[in-house]
């Protein structure tokens, strides 16, 4: 299936934002998008997004380390919350957002709590972390989603 044929002007237009993605940090190669966001949280504006083409030491569940070759969609973003009861829901909202990202012909499934599957194969995962500082929860959330293999 050609992913570009699934994109439309309406989908691209919906990327307009007042908060998320107003500051975009991109690198062709990073050790970890999560670490960039986590270690620079106080300097980044809320809603900042970090992207990379290749990731060499991505973080997974249980401190697993992942390499992410060209062809993966890697991102992490920041947000801040005062209500700690909502923080655990962020991971689920990110998972649902990826499965409903404007590509209805691609049937991505969620294996709770954080895996993404397509046609029975794991194609990605979600990672969310939070810290509590100055009466606010600083949340870093993101995903590695395998899109295509080059070569």
N, C-alpha and C. Protein backbone atom coordinates (compact mmCIF):
# COMPACT_ATOMS: atom_id res chain seq x y z
N UNK A 1 0.83 -1.19 0.00
CA UNK A 1 0.00 0.00 0.00
C UNK A 1 0.87 1.25 0.00
N UNK A 2 0.50 2.23 -0.78
CA UNK A 2 1.23 3.48 -0.85
C UNK A 2 0.67 4.43 0.21
N UNK A 3 1.48 4.75 1.23
CA UNK A 3 1.02 5.62 2.31
C UNK A 3 0.67 7.01 1.82
N UNK A 4 1.44 7.53 0.85
CA UNK A 4 1.18 8.89 0.38
C UNK A 4 -0.20 9.00 -0.25
N UNK A 5 -0.69 7.94 -0.86
CA UNK A 5 -2.01 8.01 -1.47
C UNK A 5 -3.10 8.10 -0.41
N UNK A 6 -2.78 7.75 0.85
CA UNK A 6 -3.75 7.83 1.93
C UNK A 6 -3.81 9.21 2.56
N UNK A 7 -2.83 10.06 2.28
CA UNK A 7 -2.81 11.40 2.86
C UNK A 7 -3.64 12.34 2.00
N UNK A 8 -4.35 13.23 2.66
CA UNK A 8 -5.13 14.21 1.92
C UNK A 8 -4.84 15.60 2.48
N UNK A 9 -5.30 16.61 1.78
CA UNK A 9 -5.12 17.98 2.21
C UNK A 9 -5.72 18.20 3.59
N UNK A 10 -6.86 17.59 3.86
CA UNK A 10 -7.51 17.76 5.16
C UNK A 10 -6.62 17.21 6.27
N UNK A 11 -6.01 16.05 6.05
CA UNK A 11 -5.13 15.48 7.07
C UNK A 11 -3.94 16.39 7.35
N UNK A 12 -3.32 16.90 6.31
CA UNK A 12 -2.17 17.78 6.48
C UNK A 12 -2.59 19.08 7.15
N UNK A 13 -3.72 19.61 6.77
CA UNK A 13 -4.20 20.85 7.36
C UNK A 13 -4.46 20.69 8.86
N UNK A 14 -4.87 19.50 9.28
CA UNK A 14 -5.16 19.27 10.69
C UNK A 14 -3.92 19.30 11.57
N UNK A 15 -2.74 19.37 10.97
CA UNK A 15 -1.51 19.46 11.75
C UNK A 15 -1.26 20.85 12.30
N UNK A 16 -2.05 21.84 11.89
CA UNK A 16 -1.92 23.19 12.45
C UNK A 16 -2.15 23.11 13.95
N UNK A 17 -1.35 23.82 14.71
CA UNK A 17 -1.40 23.68 16.16
C UNK A 17 -1.06 24.99 16.85
N UNK A 18 -1.61 25.15 18.03
CA UNK A 18 -1.26 26.29 18.86
C UNK A 18 -0.21 25.91 19.91
N UNK A 19 -0.11 24.62 20.23
CA UNK A 19 0.80 24.18 21.28
C UNK A 19 1.78 23.13 20.79
N UNK A 20 1.27 21.96 20.42
CA UNK A 20 2.14 20.85 20.05
C UNK A 20 2.83 21.10 18.72
N UNK A 21 4.14 20.95 18.73
CA UNK A 21 4.91 21.11 17.51
C UNK A 21 5.28 22.53 17.16
N UNK A 22 4.97 23.47 18.03
CA UNK A 22 5.37 24.87 17.75
C UNK A 22 6.89 24.99 17.78
N UNK A 23 7.54 24.18 18.63
CA UNK A 23 8.99 24.08 18.61
C UNK A 23 9.32 22.65 18.21
N UNK A 24 10.03 22.51 17.11
CA UNK A 24 10.38 21.20 16.58
C UNK A 24 11.89 21.04 16.63
N UNK A 25 12.35 20.01 17.32
CA UNK A 25 13.77 19.69 17.40
C UNK A 25 13.99 18.47 16.53
N UNK A 26 14.84 18.59 15.52
CA UNK A 26 15.07 17.48 14.58
C UNK A 26 16.55 17.23 14.42
N UNK A 27 16.89 15.97 14.27
CA UNK A 27 18.27 15.59 13.96
C UNK A 27 18.23 14.36 13.06
N UNK A 28 19.15 14.26 12.11
CA UNK A 28 19.17 13.05 11.29
C UNK A 28 19.55 11.82 12.10
N UNK A 29 20.29 12.02 13.22
CA UNK A 29 20.74 10.89 14.04
C UNK A 29 20.85 11.34 15.49
N UNK A 30 20.18 10.62 16.37
CA UNK A 30 20.25 10.90 17.81
C UNK A 30 20.43 9.59 18.57
N UNK A 31 20.98 9.69 19.76
CA UNK A 31 21.00 8.51 20.62
C UNK A 31 19.57 8.17 21.01
N UNK A 32 18.80 9.17 21.48
CA UNK A 32 17.44 8.92 21.95
C UNK A 32 16.61 10.21 21.92
N UNK A 33 15.50 10.20 21.23
CA UNK A 33 14.60 11.35 21.24
C UNK A 33 14.04 11.56 22.65
N UNK A 34 13.77 10.48 23.35
CA UNK A 34 13.26 10.57 24.72
C UNK A 34 14.26 11.28 25.62
N UNK A 35 15.54 10.92 25.52
CA UNK A 35 16.55 11.55 26.36
C UNK A 35 16.70 13.03 26.07
N UNK A 36 16.61 13.43 24.81
CA UNK A 36 16.70 14.85 24.47
C UNK A 36 15.59 15.62 25.17
N UNK A 37 14.37 15.10 25.11
CA UNK A 37 13.23 15.76 25.76
C UNK A 37 13.38 15.72 27.28
N UNK A 38 13.71 14.56 27.82
CA UNK A 38 13.81 14.39 29.27
C UNK A 38 14.89 15.29 29.87
N UNK A 39 16.06 15.33 29.27
CA UNK A 39 17.18 16.09 29.83
C UNK A 39 17.09 17.59 29.56
N UNK A 40 16.21 18.00 28.68
CA UNK A 40 16.06 19.43 28.36
C UNK A 40 14.66 19.94 28.64
N UNK A 41 13.90 19.22 29.45
CA UNK A 41 12.49 19.54 29.67
C UNK A 41 12.29 20.99 30.12
N UNK A 42 13.08 21.44 31.07
CA UNK A 42 12.90 22.79 31.61
C UNK A 42 13.21 23.89 30.59
N UNK A 43 14.06 23.59 29.62
CA UNK A 43 14.42 24.58 28.60
C UNK A 43 13.46 24.57 27.41
N UNK A 44 12.70 23.50 27.26
CA UNK A 44 11.79 23.38 26.11
C UNK A 44 10.42 23.94 26.47
N UNK A 45 9.78 24.57 25.51
CA UNK A 45 8.42 25.02 25.75
C UNK A 45 7.49 23.81 25.74
N UNK A 46 6.40 23.90 26.50
CA UNK A 46 5.44 22.80 26.56
C UNK A 46 4.87 22.58 25.16
N UNK A 47 4.82 21.33 24.75
CA UNK A 47 4.36 20.99 23.41
C UNK A 47 5.48 20.83 22.41
N UNK A 48 6.73 21.03 22.86
CA UNK A 48 7.87 20.83 21.96
C UNK A 48 7.92 19.38 21.50
N UNK A 49 8.37 19.18 20.27
CA UNK A 49 8.45 17.84 19.70
C UNK A 49 9.88 17.60 19.23
N UNK A 50 10.40 16.41 19.51
CA UNK A 50 11.73 16.02 19.07
C UNK A 50 11.59 14.86 18.09
N UNK A 51 12.20 15.00 16.92
CA UNK A 51 12.16 13.98 15.86
C UNK A 51 13.57 13.59 15.46
N UNK A 52 13.74 12.36 14.99
CA UNK A 52 15.03 11.92 14.45
C UNK A 52 14.78 10.94 13.32
N UNK A 53 15.69 10.92 12.36
CA UNK A 53 15.60 9.93 11.28
C UNK A 53 16.09 8.57 11.76
N UNK A 54 17.16 8.58 12.55
CA UNK A 54 17.76 7.36 13.07
C UNK A 54 18.02 7.55 14.56
N UNK A 55 17.77 6.50 15.33
CA UNK A 55 17.99 6.53 16.77
C UNK A 55 18.88 5.34 17.13
N UNK A 56 19.95 5.61 17.89
CA UNK A 56 20.91 4.54 18.18
C UNK A 56 20.74 3.89 19.55
N UNK A 57 20.12 4.60 20.49
CA UNK A 57 19.93 4.04 21.83
C UNK A 57 18.55 4.41 22.37
N UNK A 58 17.52 4.08 21.60
CA UNK A 58 16.16 4.36 22.04
C UNK A 58 15.82 3.54 23.27
N UNK A 59 14.91 4.07 24.06
CA UNK A 59 14.55 3.42 25.31
C UNK A 59 13.21 2.71 25.16
N UNK A 60 13.16 1.50 25.65
CA UNK A 60 11.92 0.73 25.65
C UNK A 60 11.52 0.39 27.07
N UNK A 61 10.48 -0.42 27.17
CA UNK A 61 10.00 -0.86 28.47
C UNK A 61 11.09 -1.70 29.15
N UNK A 62 11.14 -1.66 30.47
CA UNK A 62 12.09 -2.42 31.27
C UNK A 62 13.54 -2.12 30.90
N UNK A 63 13.80 -0.87 30.54
CA UNK A 63 15.15 -0.41 30.19
C UNK A 63 15.74 -1.11 28.98
N UNK A 64 14.89 -1.68 28.12
CA UNK A 64 15.38 -2.23 26.86
C UNK A 64 15.93 -1.10 26.00
N UNK A 65 16.98 -1.37 25.25
CA UNK A 65 17.57 -0.38 24.35
C UNK A 65 17.30 -0.83 22.92
N UNK A 66 16.84 0.13 22.08
CA UNK A 66 16.46 -0.19 20.71
C UNK A 66 17.22 0.68 19.73
N UNK A 67 17.67 0.06 18.66
CA UNK A 67 18.15 0.82 17.51
C UNK A 67 16.97 1.04 16.59
N UNK A 68 16.91 2.19 16.01
CA UNK A 68 15.82 2.51 15.10
C UNK A 68 16.41 2.98 13.78
N UNK A 69 16.40 2.12 12.77
CA UNK A 69 17.00 2.48 11.49
C UNK A 69 16.13 3.46 10.71
N UNK A 70 16.68 3.95 9.62
CA UNK A 70 15.91 4.80 8.71
C UNK A 70 14.65 4.04 8.32
N UNK A 71 13.52 4.71 8.36
CA UNK A 71 12.25 4.07 8.04
C UNK A 71 11.33 4.00 9.24
N UNK A 72 11.81 4.49 10.39
CA UNK A 72 10.97 4.54 11.59
C UNK A 72 10.53 5.99 11.81
N UNK A 73 9.34 6.14 12.35
CA UNK A 73 8.85 7.46 12.74
C UNK A 73 9.11 7.58 14.24
N UNK A 74 10.05 8.42 14.62
CA UNK A 74 10.47 8.58 16.00
C UNK A 74 10.11 9.97 16.48
N UNK A 75 9.38 10.04 17.58
CA UNK A 75 9.08 11.36 18.12
C UNK A 75 8.85 11.29 19.62
N UNK A 76 9.12 12.39 20.28
CA UNK A 76 8.78 12.59 21.68
C UNK A 76 8.31 14.01 21.84
N UNK A 77 7.38 14.22 22.77
CA UNK A 77 6.89 15.57 23.01
C UNK A 77 6.73 15.80 24.51
N UNK A 78 6.58 17.07 24.86
CA UNK A 78 6.45 17.47 26.26
C UNK A 78 5.04 17.96 26.54
N UNK A 79 4.60 17.71 27.75
CA UNK A 79 3.39 18.35 28.24
C UNK A 79 3.46 18.44 29.74
N UNK A 80 2.61 19.27 30.30
CA UNK A 80 2.62 19.50 31.74
C UNK A 80 1.19 19.42 32.25
N UNK A 81 1.02 18.77 33.40
CA UNK A 81 -0.31 18.57 33.97
C UNK A 81 -0.27 18.81 35.48
N UNK A 82 -1.36 19.33 35.99
CA UNK A 82 -1.47 19.50 37.44
C UNK A 82 -2.20 18.34 38.08
N UNK A 83 -3.12 17.71 37.36
CA UNK A 83 -3.93 16.62 37.89
C UNK A 83 -3.25 15.28 37.63
N UNK A 84 -2.67 14.70 38.66
CA UNK A 84 -1.94 13.45 38.53
C UNK A 84 -2.81 12.27 38.14
N UNK A 85 -4.12 12.37 38.33
CA UNK A 85 -5.02 11.26 37.94
C UNK A 85 -5.08 11.08 36.44
N UNK A 86 -4.75 12.11 35.68
CA UNK A 86 -4.82 12.06 34.22
C UNK A 86 -3.53 11.53 33.61
N UNK A 87 -2.41 11.67 34.31
CA UNK A 87 -1.10 11.31 33.76
C UNK A 87 -1.07 9.88 33.20
N UNK A 88 -1.60 8.86 33.91
CA UNK A 88 -1.54 7.50 33.34
C UNK A 88 -2.31 7.34 32.03
N UNK A 89 -3.23 8.23 31.75
CA UNK A 89 -4.02 8.12 30.52
C UNK A 89 -3.28 8.61 29.28
N UNK A 90 -2.20 9.36 29.47
CA UNK A 90 -1.47 9.92 28.33
C UNK A 90 -1.00 8.82 27.38
N UNK A 91 -0.46 7.74 27.92
CA UNK A 91 0.02 6.65 27.09
C UNK A 91 -1.10 6.08 26.22
N UNK A 92 -2.28 5.95 26.78
CA UNK A 92 -3.40 5.41 26.02
C UNK A 92 -3.87 6.39 24.94
N UNK A 93 -3.87 7.66 25.26
CA UNK A 93 -4.28 8.67 24.28
C UNK A 93 -3.29 8.71 23.12
N UNK A 94 -1.99 8.62 23.41
CA UNK A 94 -0.98 8.60 22.34
C UNK A 94 -1.18 7.36 21.48
N UNK A 95 -1.40 6.20 22.10
CA UNK A 95 -1.65 4.96 21.34
C UNK A 95 -2.86 5.11 20.42
N UNK A 96 -3.94 5.62 20.96
CA UNK A 96 -5.15 5.80 20.15
C UNK A 96 -4.93 6.81 19.04
N UNK A 97 -4.20 7.88 19.32
CA UNK A 97 -3.94 8.90 18.30
C UNK A 97 -3.18 8.31 17.13
N UNK A 98 -2.21 7.45 17.41
CA UNK A 98 -1.44 6.84 16.33
C UNK A 98 -2.31 5.92 15.50
N UNK A 99 -3.19 5.16 16.14
CA UNK A 99 -4.05 4.24 15.38
C UNK A 99 -5.11 4.98 14.58
N UNK A 100 -5.43 6.19 14.96
CA UNK A 100 -6.48 6.96 14.27
C UNK A 100 -5.90 8.18 13.57
N UNK A 101 -4.66 8.09 13.14
CA UNK A 101 -3.92 9.25 12.63
C UNK A 101 -4.31 9.67 11.22
N UNK A 102 -5.53 9.46 10.83
CA UNK A 102 -5.96 9.93 9.52
C UNK A 102 -5.69 8.94 8.41
N UNK A 103 -5.33 7.73 8.75
CA UNK A 103 -5.07 6.69 7.75
C UNK A 103 -6.00 5.51 8.01
N UNK A 104 -7.28 5.66 7.73
CA UNK A 104 -8.25 4.61 8.07
C UNK A 104 -8.02 3.29 7.35
N UNK A 105 -7.32 3.30 6.24
CA UNK A 105 -7.10 2.05 5.52
C UNK A 105 -5.96 1.22 6.12
N UNK A 106 -5.24 1.78 7.08
CA UNK A 106 -4.18 1.04 7.76
C UNK A 106 -4.71 0.65 9.13
N UNK A 107 -4.86 -0.65 9.36
CA UNK A 107 -5.51 -1.14 10.56
C UNK A 107 -4.50 -1.46 11.66
N UNK A 108 -3.93 -0.42 12.26
CA UNK A 108 -2.99 -0.60 13.37
C UNK A 108 -3.78 -0.92 14.63
N UNK A 109 -3.32 -1.94 15.35
CA UNK A 109 -3.98 -2.38 16.59
C UNK A 109 -3.07 -2.07 17.78
N UNK A 110 -3.69 -1.89 18.93
CA UNK A 110 -2.96 -1.65 20.17
C UNK A 110 -2.95 -2.93 20.99
N UNK A 111 -1.78 -3.32 21.45
CA UNK A 111 -1.66 -4.39 22.44
C UNK A 111 -1.27 -3.68 23.73
N UNK A 112 -2.23 -3.55 24.64
CA UNK A 112 -1.99 -2.80 25.86
C UNK A 112 -0.84 -3.42 26.64
N UNK A 113 -0.02 -2.62 27.24
CA UNK A 113 -0.25 -1.19 27.40
C UNK A 113 0.43 -0.31 26.36
N UNK A 114 1.41 -0.85 25.57
CA UNK A 114 2.17 0.12 24.78
C UNK A 114 2.68 -0.38 23.44
N UNK A 115 2.18 -1.48 22.93
CA UNK A 115 2.67 -2.01 21.65
C UNK A 115 1.69 -1.72 20.52
N UNK A 116 2.24 -1.49 19.31
CA UNK A 116 1.43 -1.25 18.12
C UNK A 116 1.67 -2.39 17.13
N UNK A 117 0.59 -2.97 16.62
CA UNK A 117 0.67 -4.11 15.71
C UNK A 117 -0.07 -3.83 14.41
N UNK A 118 0.47 -4.38 13.32
CA UNK A 118 -0.15 -4.31 12.01
C UNK A 118 -0.03 -5.70 11.38
N UNK A 119 -1.16 -6.26 11.01
CA UNK A 119 -1.19 -7.61 10.41
C UNK A 119 -0.44 -8.63 11.26
N UNK A 120 -0.60 -8.55 12.58
CA UNK A 120 0.01 -9.50 13.48
C UNK A 120 1.47 -9.27 13.81
N UNK A 121 2.08 -8.24 13.24
CA UNK A 121 3.49 -7.94 13.49
C UNK A 121 3.63 -6.66 14.31
N UNK A 122 4.53 -6.68 15.28
CA UNK A 122 4.78 -5.48 16.06
C UNK A 122 5.47 -4.45 15.18
N UNK A 123 4.87 -3.27 15.08
CA UNK A 123 5.42 -2.20 14.24
C UNK A 123 5.81 -0.97 15.05
N UNK A 124 5.61 -1.01 16.36
CA UNK A 124 5.97 0.16 17.14
C UNK A 124 5.62 0.02 18.60
N UNK A 125 5.95 1.07 19.33
CA UNK A 125 5.66 1.11 20.75
C UNK A 125 5.57 2.53 21.24
N UNK A 126 4.97 2.68 22.41
CA UNK A 126 4.75 3.97 23.04
C UNK A 126 5.52 3.99 24.35
N UNK A 127 6.13 5.12 24.67
CA UNK A 127 6.81 5.28 25.96
C UNK A 127 6.39 6.62 26.56
N UNK A 128 5.97 6.59 27.81
CA UNK A 128 5.62 7.81 28.53
C UNK A 128 6.31 7.78 29.89
N UNK A 129 6.90 8.89 30.26
CA UNK A 129 7.50 9.03 31.58
C UNK A 129 7.06 10.36 32.17
N UNK A 130 7.12 10.45 33.49
CA UNK A 130 6.74 11.71 34.13
C UNK A 130 7.57 11.93 35.39
N UNK A 131 7.74 13.20 35.71
CA UNK A 131 8.37 13.60 36.97
C UNK A 131 7.46 14.65 37.60
N UNK A 132 7.55 14.81 38.90
CA UNK A 132 6.74 15.78 39.61
C UNK A 132 7.66 16.86 40.15
N UNK A 133 7.39 18.11 39.75
CA UNK A 133 8.25 19.22 40.16
C UNK A 133 7.41 20.49 40.24
N UNK A 134 7.56 21.22 41.31
CA UNK A 134 6.86 22.50 41.50
C UNK A 134 5.35 22.35 41.31
N UNK A 135 4.79 21.29 41.89
CA UNK A 135 3.34 21.02 41.89
C UNK A 135 2.78 20.74 40.50
N UNK A 136 3.65 20.28 39.58
CA UNK A 136 3.19 19.92 38.24
C UNK A 136 3.87 18.63 37.81
N UNK A 137 3.15 17.88 36.99
CA UNK A 137 3.71 16.68 36.39
C UNK A 137 4.29 17.04 35.03
N UNK A 138 5.57 16.81 34.86
CA UNK A 138 6.23 17.02 33.57
C UNK A 138 6.22 15.68 32.84
N UNK A 139 5.49 15.61 31.75
CA UNK A 139 5.28 14.36 31.03
C UNK A 139 6.03 14.40 29.70
N UNK A 140 6.77 13.33 29.43
CA UNK A 140 7.42 13.13 28.13
C UNK A 140 6.76 11.90 27.52
N UNK A 141 6.26 12.04 26.31
CA UNK A 141 5.55 10.93 25.67
C UNK A 141 5.97 10.85 24.21
N UNK A 142 6.04 9.63 23.70
CA UNK A 142 6.42 9.49 22.31
C UNK A 142 6.30 8.07 21.82
N UNK A 143 6.80 7.87 20.60
CA UNK A 143 6.64 6.58 19.95
C UNK A 143 7.75 6.32 18.95
N UNK A 144 8.00 5.05 18.74
CA UNK A 144 8.78 4.58 17.60
C UNK A 144 7.80 3.73 16.80
N UNK A 145 7.58 4.11 15.57
CA UNK A 145 6.69 3.35 14.70
C UNK A 145 7.42 3.05 13.40
N UNK A 146 7.53 1.78 13.06
CA UNK A 146 8.22 1.36 11.84
C UNK A 146 7.31 1.63 10.65
N UNK A 147 7.78 2.43 9.70
CA UNK A 147 6.96 2.80 8.55
C UNK A 147 7.34 2.03 7.29
N UNK A 148 8.62 1.94 7.01
CA UNK A 148 9.06 1.26 5.79
C UNK A 148 10.52 0.86 5.95
N UNK A 149 10.96 -0.02 5.09
CA UNK A 149 12.36 -0.44 5.08
C UNK A 149 13.00 0.10 3.82
N UNK A 150 14.09 0.83 3.97
CA UNK A 150 14.78 1.37 2.80
C UNK A 150 15.85 0.38 2.36
N UNK A 151 15.82 0.04 1.07
CA UNK A 151 16.82 -0.87 0.55
C UNK A 151 16.28 -2.19 0.43
